[in-house]
Amino acid sequence: MNVKKTLSFRNRGINWSLFLTLVLIAAVTVFIPAWLIMPFKAQSASGVALSYFLKSISPVVTALALLSAIALGVRIWSLERLIGRVMLIPALLVVTVSFWFARQNHFEWMFNPLPNPGFATVGEAGFIKDSDMVMAVALNGASAAYPVRQMAHHHLVQDRVGAMDLVATY
């Protein structure tokens, strides 16, 4: 048996294992926060805390993963034939997209503020069904209702009720 060939095969296995671990770490670091805060599903306090923690470390983690994956990718490229080299490309793309996504505010994408909220009287709000749930606020003799269906998409609506500024949140 050729010792050099065996050593090379073993190095390739270790390199690929490390490389794929880096890809997985980069992807999971940005996927989990987005998945945990997904609209229209139950969100626990611990899930939201984990999501914010991962979001806070993801820029550094994905930068290190990208730099390490590129360095390891160069090493793998030198040991592989065409099929191995081709397999590097989508894996490096996953790390690169994770690096980019870690620098985006996907919390804002999922729960973007309502840009120009319109306020209507009960008679004018024809888009609200009788069966729709609303969040109601009553202050200083004035009241307002916010449709939960709309709040689920935006989470925050700035308003003024009974001469008081407020932010309705869901």
N, C-alpha and C. Protein backbone atom coordinates (compact mmCIF):
# COMPACT_ATOMS: atom_id res chain seq x y z
N MET A 1 0.84 -1.18 0.00
CA MET A 1 0.00 0.00 0.00
C MET A 1 0.89 1.24 0.00
N ASN A 2 0.47 2.22 -0.73
CA ASN A 2 1.22 3.46 -0.85
C ASN A 2 0.92 4.35 0.36
N VAL A 3 1.94 4.61 1.18
CA VAL A 3 1.76 5.41 2.40
C VAL A 3 1.33 6.83 2.07
N LYS A 4 1.90 7.41 1.04
CA LYS A 4 1.56 8.79 0.65
C LYS A 4 0.09 8.89 0.25
N LYS A 5 -0.42 7.89 -0.49
CA LYS A 5 -1.81 7.90 -0.93
C LYS A 5 -2.74 7.76 0.28
N THR A 6 -2.41 6.90 1.24
CA THR A 6 -3.22 6.71 2.44
C THR A 6 -3.24 7.99 3.27
N LEU A 7 -2.09 8.61 3.42
CA LEU A 7 -2.00 9.86 4.17
C LEU A 7 -2.83 10.95 3.51
N SER A 8 -2.75 11.02 2.20
CA SER A 8 -3.51 12.02 1.46
C SER A 8 -5.01 11.80 1.62
N PHE A 9 -5.45 10.54 1.56
CA PHE A 9 -6.87 10.22 1.72
C PHE A 9 -7.34 10.61 3.11
N ARG A 10 -6.52 10.30 4.13
CA ARG A 10 -6.87 10.64 5.51
C ARG A 10 -6.95 12.16 5.67
N ASN A 11 -5.99 12.88 5.12
CA ASN A 11 -6.01 14.34 5.19
C ASN A 11 -7.24 14.91 4.51
N ARG A 12 -7.61 14.33 3.39
CA ARG A 12 -8.81 14.80 2.68
C ARG A 12 -10.04 14.62 3.55
N GLY A 13 -10.15 13.49 4.23
CA GLY A 13 -11.30 13.24 5.11
C GLY A 13 -11.37 14.23 6.25
N ILE A 14 -10.23 14.49 6.87
CA ILE A 14 -10.17 15.46 7.97
C ILE A 14 -10.50 16.86 7.45
N ASN A 15 -9.91 17.23 6.32
CA ASN A 15 -10.17 18.55 5.75
C ASN A 15 -11.65 18.74 5.42
N TRP A 16 -12.26 17.73 4.78
CA TRP A 16 -13.68 17.83 4.44
C TRP A 16 -14.54 17.89 5.71
N SER A 17 -14.19 17.11 6.73
CA SER A 17 -14.96 17.14 7.98
C SER A 17 -14.91 18.53 8.62
N LEU A 18 -13.73 19.09 8.69
CA LEU A 18 -13.59 20.44 9.24
C LEU A 18 -14.32 21.48 8.39
N PHE A 19 -14.19 21.35 7.09
CA PHE A 19 -14.82 22.29 6.17
C PHE A 19 -16.34 22.25 6.32
N LEU A 20 -16.92 21.05 6.33
CA LEU A 20 -18.37 20.93 6.45
C LEU A 20 -18.86 21.37 7.83
N THR A 21 -18.04 21.20 8.85
CA THR A 21 -18.39 21.71 10.18
C THR A 21 -18.47 23.23 10.16
N LEU A 22 -17.53 23.87 9.48
CA LEU A 22 -17.56 25.33 9.35
C LEU A 22 -18.81 25.79 8.60
N VAL A 23 -19.16 25.08 7.55
CA VAL A 23 -20.37 25.42 6.78
C VAL A 23 -21.59 25.30 7.68
N LEU A 24 -21.68 24.22 8.43
CA LEU A 24 -22.81 23.99 9.32
C LEU A 24 -22.89 25.06 10.41
N ILE A 25 -21.78 25.39 11.02
CA ILE A 25 -21.76 26.42 12.07
C ILE A 25 -22.24 27.76 11.51
N ALA A 26 -21.74 28.15 10.35
CA ALA A 26 -22.14 29.43 9.75
C ALA A 26 -23.64 29.44 9.44
N ALA A 27 -24.14 28.36 8.87
CA ALA A 27 -25.55 28.30 8.49
C ALA A 27 -26.46 28.29 9.71
N VAL A 28 -26.12 27.48 10.70
CA VAL A 28 -26.95 27.36 11.90
C VAL A 28 -26.97 28.67 12.69
N THR A 29 -25.86 29.37 12.72
CA THR A 29 -25.77 30.62 13.47
C THR A 29 -26.75 31.67 12.95
N VAL A 30 -27.04 31.65 11.66
CA VAL A 30 -28.00 32.63 11.13
C VAL A 30 -29.39 32.03 10.92
N PHE A 31 -29.49 30.71 10.76
CA PHE A 31 -30.80 30.09 10.54
C PHE A 31 -31.62 30.03 11.82
N ILE A 32 -31.00 29.64 12.93
CA ILE A 32 -31.75 29.47 14.18
C ILE A 32 -32.44 30.76 14.63
N PRO A 33 -31.76 31.93 14.65
CA PRO A 33 -32.48 33.14 15.06
C PRO A 33 -33.68 33.45 14.16
N ALA A 34 -33.53 33.29 12.86
CA ALA A 34 -34.64 33.56 11.94
C ALA A 34 -35.78 32.58 12.17
N TRP A 35 -35.46 31.33 12.46
CA TRP A 35 -36.48 30.30 12.67
C TRP A 35 -37.20 30.52 14.00
N LEU A 36 -36.46 30.90 15.03
CA LEU A 36 -37.06 31.07 16.36
C LEU A 36 -38.03 32.23 16.43
N ILE A 37 -37.82 33.27 15.65
CA ILE A 37 -38.71 34.44 15.74
C ILE A 37 -39.72 34.50 14.60
N MET A 38 -39.87 33.39 13.89
CA MET A 38 -40.78 33.36 12.75
C MET A 38 -42.20 33.78 13.17
N PRO A 39 -42.83 34.64 12.39
CA PRO A 39 -44.19 35.08 12.73
C PRO A 39 -45.19 33.92 12.73
N PHE A 40 -46.24 34.10 13.47
CA PHE A 40 -47.39 33.19 13.52
C PHE A 40 -47.06 31.83 14.12
N LYS A 41 -46.07 31.78 14.99
CA LYS A 41 -45.85 30.57 15.77
C LYS A 41 -45.48 31.01 17.18
N ALA A 42 -45.68 30.11 18.12
CA ALA A 42 -45.40 30.45 19.51
C ALA A 42 -43.92 30.77 19.69
N GLN A 43 -43.66 31.81 20.46
CA GLN A 43 -42.28 32.21 20.75
C GLN A 43 -42.10 32.24 22.26
N SER A 44 -41.12 31.49 22.74
CA SER A 44 -40.86 31.48 24.17
C SER A 44 -39.83 32.56 24.50
N ALA A 45 -39.79 32.95 25.76
CA ALA A 45 -38.81 33.96 26.19
C ALA A 45 -37.39 33.43 26.00
N SER A 46 -37.18 32.15 26.29
CA SER A 46 -35.83 31.59 26.13
C SER A 46 -35.46 31.49 24.65
N GLY A 47 -36.43 31.20 23.80
CA GLY A 47 -36.17 31.15 22.35
C GLY A 47 -35.79 32.51 21.79
N VAL A 48 -36.50 33.54 22.24
CA VAL A 48 -36.18 34.90 21.78
C VAL A 48 -34.81 35.33 22.31
N ALA A 49 -34.52 34.97 23.58
CA ALA A 49 -33.20 35.30 24.15
C ALA A 49 -32.08 34.60 23.37
N LEU A 50 -32.28 33.33 23.05
CA LEU A 50 -31.28 32.60 22.25
C LEU A 50 -31.13 33.23 20.88
N SER A 51 -32.24 33.61 20.29
CA SER A 51 -32.22 34.24 18.98
C SER A 51 -31.40 35.53 19.00
N TYR A 52 -31.63 36.38 20.00
CA TYR A 52 -30.87 37.63 20.09
C TYR A 52 -29.39 37.37 20.39
N PHE A 53 -29.10 36.35 21.22
CA PHE A 53 -27.70 36.02 21.50
C PHE A 53 -26.99 35.58 20.23
N LEU A 54 -27.60 34.65 19.49
CA LEU A 54 -26.98 34.18 18.24
C LEU A 54 -26.85 35.31 17.24
N LYS A 55 -27.86 36.18 17.18
CA LYS A 55 -27.79 37.33 16.27
C LYS A 55 -26.62 38.24 16.64
N SER A 56 -26.34 38.37 17.93
CA SER A 56 -25.25 39.25 18.36
C SER A 56 -23.87 38.67 18.05
N ILE A 57 -23.73 37.34 18.08
CA ILE A 57 -22.41 36.75 17.80
C ILE A 57 -22.24 36.33 16.35
N SER A 58 -23.32 36.30 15.59
CA SER A 58 -23.25 35.77 14.22
C SER A 58 -22.30 36.54 13.29
N PRO A 59 -22.15 37.87 13.40
CA PRO A 59 -21.19 38.53 12.50
C PRO A 59 -19.76 38.02 12.69
N VAL A 60 -19.35 37.85 13.94
CA VAL A 60 -17.98 37.37 14.20
C VAL A 60 -17.85 35.89 13.83
N VAL A 61 -18.83 35.09 14.23
CA VAL A 61 -18.77 33.65 13.95
C VAL A 61 -18.74 33.39 12.45
N THR A 62 -19.60 34.07 11.70
CA THR A 62 -19.63 33.83 10.25
C THR A 62 -18.39 34.38 9.55
N ALA A 63 -17.81 35.47 10.07
CA ALA A 63 -16.57 35.98 9.48
C ALA A 63 -15.43 34.99 9.69
N LEU A 64 -15.32 34.45 10.90
CA LEU A 64 -14.29 33.44 11.16
C LEU A 64 -14.53 32.18 10.34
N ALA A 65 -15.80 31.78 10.25
CA ALA A 65 -16.13 30.59 9.45
C ALA A 65 -15.78 30.81 7.98
N LEU A 66 -16.09 31.99 7.45
CA LEU A 66 -15.80 32.27 6.04
C LEU A 66 -14.29 32.26 5.78
N LEU A 67 -13.53 32.95 6.61
CA LEU A 67 -12.08 32.99 6.42
C LEU A 67 -11.47 31.59 6.54
N SER A 68 -11.92 30.83 7.54
CA SER A 68 -11.41 29.47 7.72
C SER A 68 -11.83 28.56 6.58
N ALA A 69 -13.07 28.71 6.11
CA ALA A 69 -13.56 27.88 5.01
C ALA A 69 -12.80 28.19 3.72
N ILE A 70 -12.48 29.45 3.49
CA ILE A 70 -11.70 29.79 2.29
C ILE A 70 -10.31 29.17 2.38
N ALA A 71 -9.66 29.30 3.54
CA ALA A 71 -8.32 28.72 3.71
C ALA A 71 -8.36 27.20 3.55
N LEU A 72 -9.33 26.58 4.18
CA LEU A 72 -9.46 25.12 4.07
C LEU A 72 -9.88 24.73 2.66
N GLY A 73 -10.71 25.56 2.03
CA GLY A 73 -11.14 25.29 0.66
C GLY A 73 -9.97 25.28 -0.31
N VAL A 74 -9.03 26.19 -0.10
CA VAL A 74 -7.82 26.21 -0.95
C VAL A 74 -7.04 24.91 -0.76
N ARG A 75 -6.93 24.46 0.47
CA ARG A 75 -6.22 23.19 0.76
C ARG A 75 -6.96 22.02 0.11
N ILE A 76 -8.27 21.98 0.27
CA ILE A 76 -9.06 20.89 -0.32
C ILE A 76 -8.95 20.93 -1.83
N TRP A 77 -9.00 22.12 -2.41
CA TRP A 77 -8.91 22.29 -3.86
C TRP A 77 -7.64 21.62 -4.40
N SER A 78 -6.56 21.76 -3.65
CA SER A 78 -5.28 21.19 -4.12
C SER A 78 -5.25 19.67 -4.01
N LEU A 79 -6.11 19.09 -3.17
CA LEU A 79 -6.12 17.63 -2.99
C LEU A 79 -7.19 16.93 -3.81
N GLU A 80 -8.13 17.67 -4.35
CA GLU A 80 -9.29 17.06 -4.99
C GLU A 80 -9.19 17.08 -6.51
N ARG A 81 -9.99 16.18 -7.06
CA ARG A 81 -10.20 16.19 -8.51
C ARG A 81 -11.39 17.08 -8.80
N LEU A 82 -11.85 17.05 -10.02
CA LEU A 82 -12.91 17.95 -10.48
C LEU A 82 -14.18 17.86 -9.62
N ILE A 83 -14.67 16.66 -9.32
CA ILE A 83 -15.93 16.53 -8.58
C ILE A 83 -15.82 17.13 -7.18
N GLY A 84 -14.68 16.94 -6.53
CA GLY A 84 -14.47 17.53 -5.21
C GLY A 84 -14.40 19.04 -5.26
N ARG A 85 -13.79 19.54 -6.31
CA ARG A 85 -13.69 20.99 -6.48
C ARG A 85 -15.07 21.59 -6.74
N VAL A 86 -15.86 20.91 -7.53
CA VAL A 86 -17.22 21.39 -7.83
C VAL A 86 -18.06 21.41 -6.56
N MET A 87 -17.88 20.42 -5.68
CA MET A 87 -18.65 20.36 -4.43
C MET A 87 -18.28 21.49 -3.47
N LEU A 88 -17.10 22.04 -3.61
CA LEU A 88 -16.69 23.16 -2.76
C LEU A 88 -17.52 24.42 -3.02
N ILE A 89 -17.91 24.61 -4.26
CA ILE A 89 -18.55 25.87 -4.65
C ILE A 89 -19.87 26.11 -3.91
N PRO A 90 -20.84 25.16 -3.92
CA PRO A 90 -22.08 25.45 -3.18
C PRO A 90 -21.85 25.57 -1.67
N ALA A 91 -20.90 24.80 -1.14
CA ALA A 91 -20.62 24.88 0.29
C ALA A 91 -20.05 26.25 0.65
N LEU A 92 -19.14 26.76 -0.16
CA LEU A 92 -18.60 28.10 0.07
C LEU A 92 -19.68 29.17 -0.11
N LEU A 93 -20.61 28.91 -1.00
CA LEU A 93 -21.72 29.83 -1.21
C LEU A 93 -22.60 29.91 0.05
N VAL A 94 -22.83 28.77 0.69
CA VAL A 94 -23.62 28.75 1.94
C VAL A 94 -22.93 29.60 3.01
N VAL A 95 -21.63 29.45 3.15
CA VAL A 95 -20.89 30.24 4.15
C VAL A 95 -20.91 31.72 3.79
N THR A 96 -20.76 32.03 2.52
CA THR A 96 -20.77 33.43 2.08
C THR A 96 -22.13 34.08 2.30
N VAL A 97 -23.21 33.37 1.98
CA VAL A 97 -24.56 33.89 2.21
C VAL A 97 -24.81 34.05 3.71
N SER A 98 -24.34 33.11 4.51
CA SER A 98 -24.47 33.22 5.97
C SER A 98 -23.73 34.45 6.49
N PHE A 99 -22.54 34.69 5.95
CA PHE A 99 -21.74 35.88 6.31
C PHE A 99 -22.52 37.15 5.99
N TRP A 100 -23.13 37.21 4.81
CA TRP A 100 -23.92 38.38 4.41
C TRP A 100 -25.17 38.51 5.28
N PHE A 101 -25.89 37.40 5.48
CA PHE A 101 -27.15 37.42 6.21
C PHE A 101 -26.94 37.82 7.67
N ALA A 102 -25.79 37.47 8.24
CA ALA A 102 -25.51 37.82 9.63
C ALA A 102 -25.42 39.33 9.83
N ARG A 103 -25.20 40.05 8.75
CA ARG A 103 -25.08 41.50 8.82
C ARG A 103 -26.38 42.22 8.45
N GLN A 104 -27.44 41.47 8.24
CA GLN A 104 -28.75 42.04 7.91
C GLN A 104 -29.62 42.00 9.16
N ASN A 105 -30.58 42.88 9.23
CA ASN A 105 -31.50 42.88 10.36
C ASN A 105 -32.75 42.11 9.97
N HIS A 106 -32.65 40.77 10.06
CA HIS A 106 -33.81 39.96 9.67
C HIS A 106 -34.95 40.09 10.66
N PHE A 107 -34.69 40.54 11.88
CA PHE A 107 -35.78 40.83 12.81
C PHE A 107 -36.66 41.94 12.23
N GLU A 108 -36.00 42.95 11.65
CA GLU A 108 -36.73 44.06 11.04
C GLU A 108 -37.47 43.59 9.79
N TRP A 109 -36.89 42.65 9.03
CA TRP A 109 -37.57 42.12 7.84
C TRP A 109 -38.86 41.41 8.23
N MET A 110 -38.80 40.63 9.30
CA MET A 110 -39.97 39.84 9.69
C MET A 110 -41.03 40.68 10.37
N PHE A 111 -40.61 41.68 11.12
CA PHE A 111 -41.56 42.48 11.89
C PHE A 111 -41.35 43.96 11.60
N ASN A 112 -41.39 44.31 10.34
CA ASN A 112 -41.15 45.71 9.99
C ASN A 112 -42.27 46.60 10.51
N PRO A 113 -41.91 47.80 10.98
CA PRO A 113 -42.94 48.71 11.48
C PRO A 113 -43.91 49.09 10.37
N LEU A 114 -45.12 49.35 10.76
CA LEU A 114 -46.13 49.80 9.82
C LEU A 114 -45.73 51.21 9.38
N PRO A 115 -45.38 51.42 8.10
CA PRO A 115 -44.79 52.69 7.68
C PRO A 115 -45.74 53.88 7.79
N ASN A 116 -46.95 53.76 7.34
CA ASN A 116 -47.91 54.85 7.38
C ASN A 116 -49.24 54.32 7.91
N PRO A 117 -49.33 54.15 9.22
CA PRO A 117 -50.57 53.58 9.74
C PRO A 117 -51.75 54.51 9.48
N GLY A 118 -52.82 53.91 9.05
CA GLY A 118 -54.04 54.67 8.83
C GLY A 118 -54.99 54.39 9.97
N PHE A 119 -55.68 55.39 10.42
CA PHE A 119 -56.59 55.22 11.53
C PHE A 119 -58.00 55.51 11.04
N ALA A 120 -58.89 54.62 11.39
CA ALA A 120 -60.26 54.72 10.88
C ALA A 120 -61.24 54.54 12.03
N THR A 121 -62.41 55.12 11.86
CA THR A 121 -63.48 54.89 12.83
C THR A 121 -64.02 53.48 12.61
N VAL A 122 -64.82 53.03 13.54
CA VAL A 122 -65.38 51.68 13.44
C VAL A 122 -66.18 51.54 12.14
N GLY A 123 -66.92 52.55 11.77
CA GLY A 123 -67.71 52.49 10.54
C GLY A 123 -66.87 52.44 9.28
N GLU A 124 -65.69 53.04 9.32
CA GLU A 124 -64.81 53.08 8.15
C GLU A 124 -63.93 51.85 7.99
N ALA A 125 -63.80 51.07 9.04
CA ALA A 125 -62.88 49.92 9.03
C ALA A 125 -63.58 48.69 8.47
N GLY A 126 -63.88 48.73 7.19
CA GLY A 126 -64.59 47.62 6.55
C GLY A 126 -63.74 46.37 6.36
N PHE A 127 -62.42 46.49 6.47
CA PHE A 127 -61.55 45.33 6.26
C PHE A 127 -61.48 44.44 7.50
N ILE A 128 -62.04 44.91 8.62
CA ILE A 128 -62.03 44.12 9.85
C ILE A 128 -63.34 43.36 9.96
N LYS A 129 -63.23 42.06 10.16
CA LYS A 129 -64.42 41.21 10.32
C LYS A 129 -64.88 41.25 11.77
N ASP A 130 -66.16 40.94 11.98
CA ASP A 130 -66.69 40.90 13.34
C ASP A 130 -65.98 39.86 14.19
N SER A 131 -65.46 38.81 13.56
CA SER A 131 -64.80 37.73 14.30
C SER A 131 -63.32 38.00 14.57
N ASP A 132 -62.76 39.08 14.00
CA ASP A 132 -61.34 39.40 14.20
C ASP A 132 -61.08 39.84 15.64
N MET A 133 -59.98 39.37 16.18
CA MET A 133 -59.55 39.81 17.50
C MET A 133 -58.84 41.15 17.36
N VAL A 134 -59.04 42.00 18.36
CA VAL A 134 -58.35 43.29 18.38
C VAL A 134 -57.73 43.51 19.75
N MET A 135 -56.69 44.32 19.78
CA MET A 135 -56.13 44.79 21.06
C MET A 135 -56.73 46.17 21.28
N ALA A 136 -57.29 46.38 22.45
CA ALA A 136 -57.97 47.64 22.72
C ALA A 136 -57.21 48.44 23.78
N VAL A 137 -57.22 49.76 23.61
CA VAL A 137 -56.60 50.67 24.56
C VAL A 137 -57.61 51.77 24.85
N ALA A 138 -57.81 52.06 26.13
CA ALA A 138 -58.68 53.16 26.53
C ALA A 138 -57.89 54.06 27.48
N LEU A 139 -57.75 55.34 27.10
CA LEU A 139 -57.01 56.31 27.91
C LEU A 139 -57.73 57.65 27.91
N ASN A 140 -57.95 58.19 29.09
CA ASN A 140 -58.54 59.53 29.23
C ASN A 140 -59.81 59.71 28.41
N GLY A 141 -60.67 58.72 28.42
CA GLY A 141 -61.94 58.81 27.72
C GLY A 141 -61.88 58.51 26.23
N ALA A 142 -60.72 58.28 25.68
CA ALA A 142 -60.58 57.92 24.26
C ALA A 142 -60.17 56.45 24.17
N SER A 143 -60.50 55.84 23.05
CA SER A 143 -60.13 54.42 22.90
C SER A 143 -59.69 54.15 21.46
N ALA A 144 -58.93 53.08 21.32
CA ALA A 144 -58.46 52.64 20.00
C ALA A 144 -58.36 51.12 20.03
N ALA A 145 -58.53 50.53 18.86
CA ALA A 145 -58.42 49.08 18.73
C ALA A 145 -57.46 48.77 17.59
N TYR A 146 -56.63 47.77 17.81
CA TYR A 146 -55.62 47.39 16.82
C TYR A 146 -55.86 45.93 16.43
N PRO A 147 -56.14 45.67 15.15
CA PRO A 147 -56.41 44.29 14.73
C PRO A 147 -55.18 43.39 14.93
N VAL A 148 -55.38 42.29 15.63
CA VAL A 148 -54.28 41.36 15.90
C VAL A 148 -53.70 40.82 14.59
N ARG A 149 -54.55 40.60 13.61
CA ARG A 149 -54.09 40.09 12.31
C ARG A 149 -53.05 41.03 11.70
N GLN A 150 -53.25 42.32 11.84
CA GLN A 150 -52.31 43.30 11.31
C GLN A 150 -51.10 43.46 12.24
N MET A 151 -51.34 43.42 13.53
CA MET A 151 -50.25 43.56 14.50
C MET A 151 -49.27 42.39 14.41
N ALA A 152 -49.75 41.22 14.04
CA ALA A 152 -48.88 40.05 13.93
C ALA A 152 -47.80 40.25 12.87
N HIS A 153 -48.08 41.07 11.88
CA HIS A 153 -47.09 41.33 10.82
C HIS A 153 -46.14 42.46 11.19
N HIS A 154 -46.58 43.38 12.03
CA HIS A 154 -45.79 44.59 12.26
C HIS A 154 -45.32 44.74 13.71
N HIS A 155 -46.05 44.20 14.64
CA HIS A 155 -45.70 44.19 16.06
C HIS A 155 -45.69 45.56 16.74
N LEU A 156 -45.43 46.61 16.02
CA LEU A 156 -45.38 47.94 16.64
C LEU A 156 -46.20 48.94 15.84
N VAL A 157 -47.05 49.68 16.52
CA VAL A 157 -47.78 50.77 15.88
C VAL A 157 -47.74 51.97 16.83
N GLN A 158 -47.20 53.08 16.36
CA GLN A 158 -47.18 54.30 17.17
C GLN A 158 -48.51 55.01 16.99
N ASP A 159 -49.04 55.50 18.10
CA ASP A 159 -50.37 56.12 18.04
C ASP A 159 -50.46 57.17 19.15
N ARG A 160 -51.56 57.91 19.11
CA ARG A 160 -51.87 58.88 20.16
C ARG A 160 -53.32 58.63 20.54
N VAL A 161 -53.53 58.29 21.80
CA VAL A 161 -54.87 57.99 22.30
C VAL A 161 -55.09 58.80 23.58
N GLY A 162 -56.19 59.53 23.62
CA GLY A 162 -56.52 60.31 24.81
C GLY A 162 -55.43 61.29 25.18
N ALA A 163 -54.86 61.97 24.20
CA ALA A 163 -53.79 62.96 24.38
C ALA A 163 -52.50 62.36 24.94
N MET A 164 -52.34 61.05 24.78
CA MET A 164 -51.11 60.38 25.24
C MET A 164 -50.49 59.60 24.08
N ASP A 165 -49.18 59.76 23.92
CA ASP A 165 -48.47 58.98 22.91
C ASP A 165 -48.28 57.56 23.44
N LEU A 166 -48.41 56.60 22.55
CA LEU A 166 -48.19 55.21 22.95
C LEU A 166 -47.68 54.40 21.76
N VAL A 167 -47.12 53.27 22.08
CA VAL A 167 -46.72 52.31 21.06
C VAL A 167 -47.46 51.02 21.38
N ALA A 168 -48.36 50.65 20.49
CA ALA A 168 -49.06 49.38 20.66
C ALA A 168 -48.14 48.29 20.13
N THR A 169 -47.97 47.26 20.92
CA THR A 169 -47.06 46.18 20.51
C THR A 169 -47.73 44.83 20.71
N TYR A 170 -47.35 43.90 19.85
CA TYR A 170 -47.91 42.54 19.91
C TYR A 170 -46.77 41.57 19.97
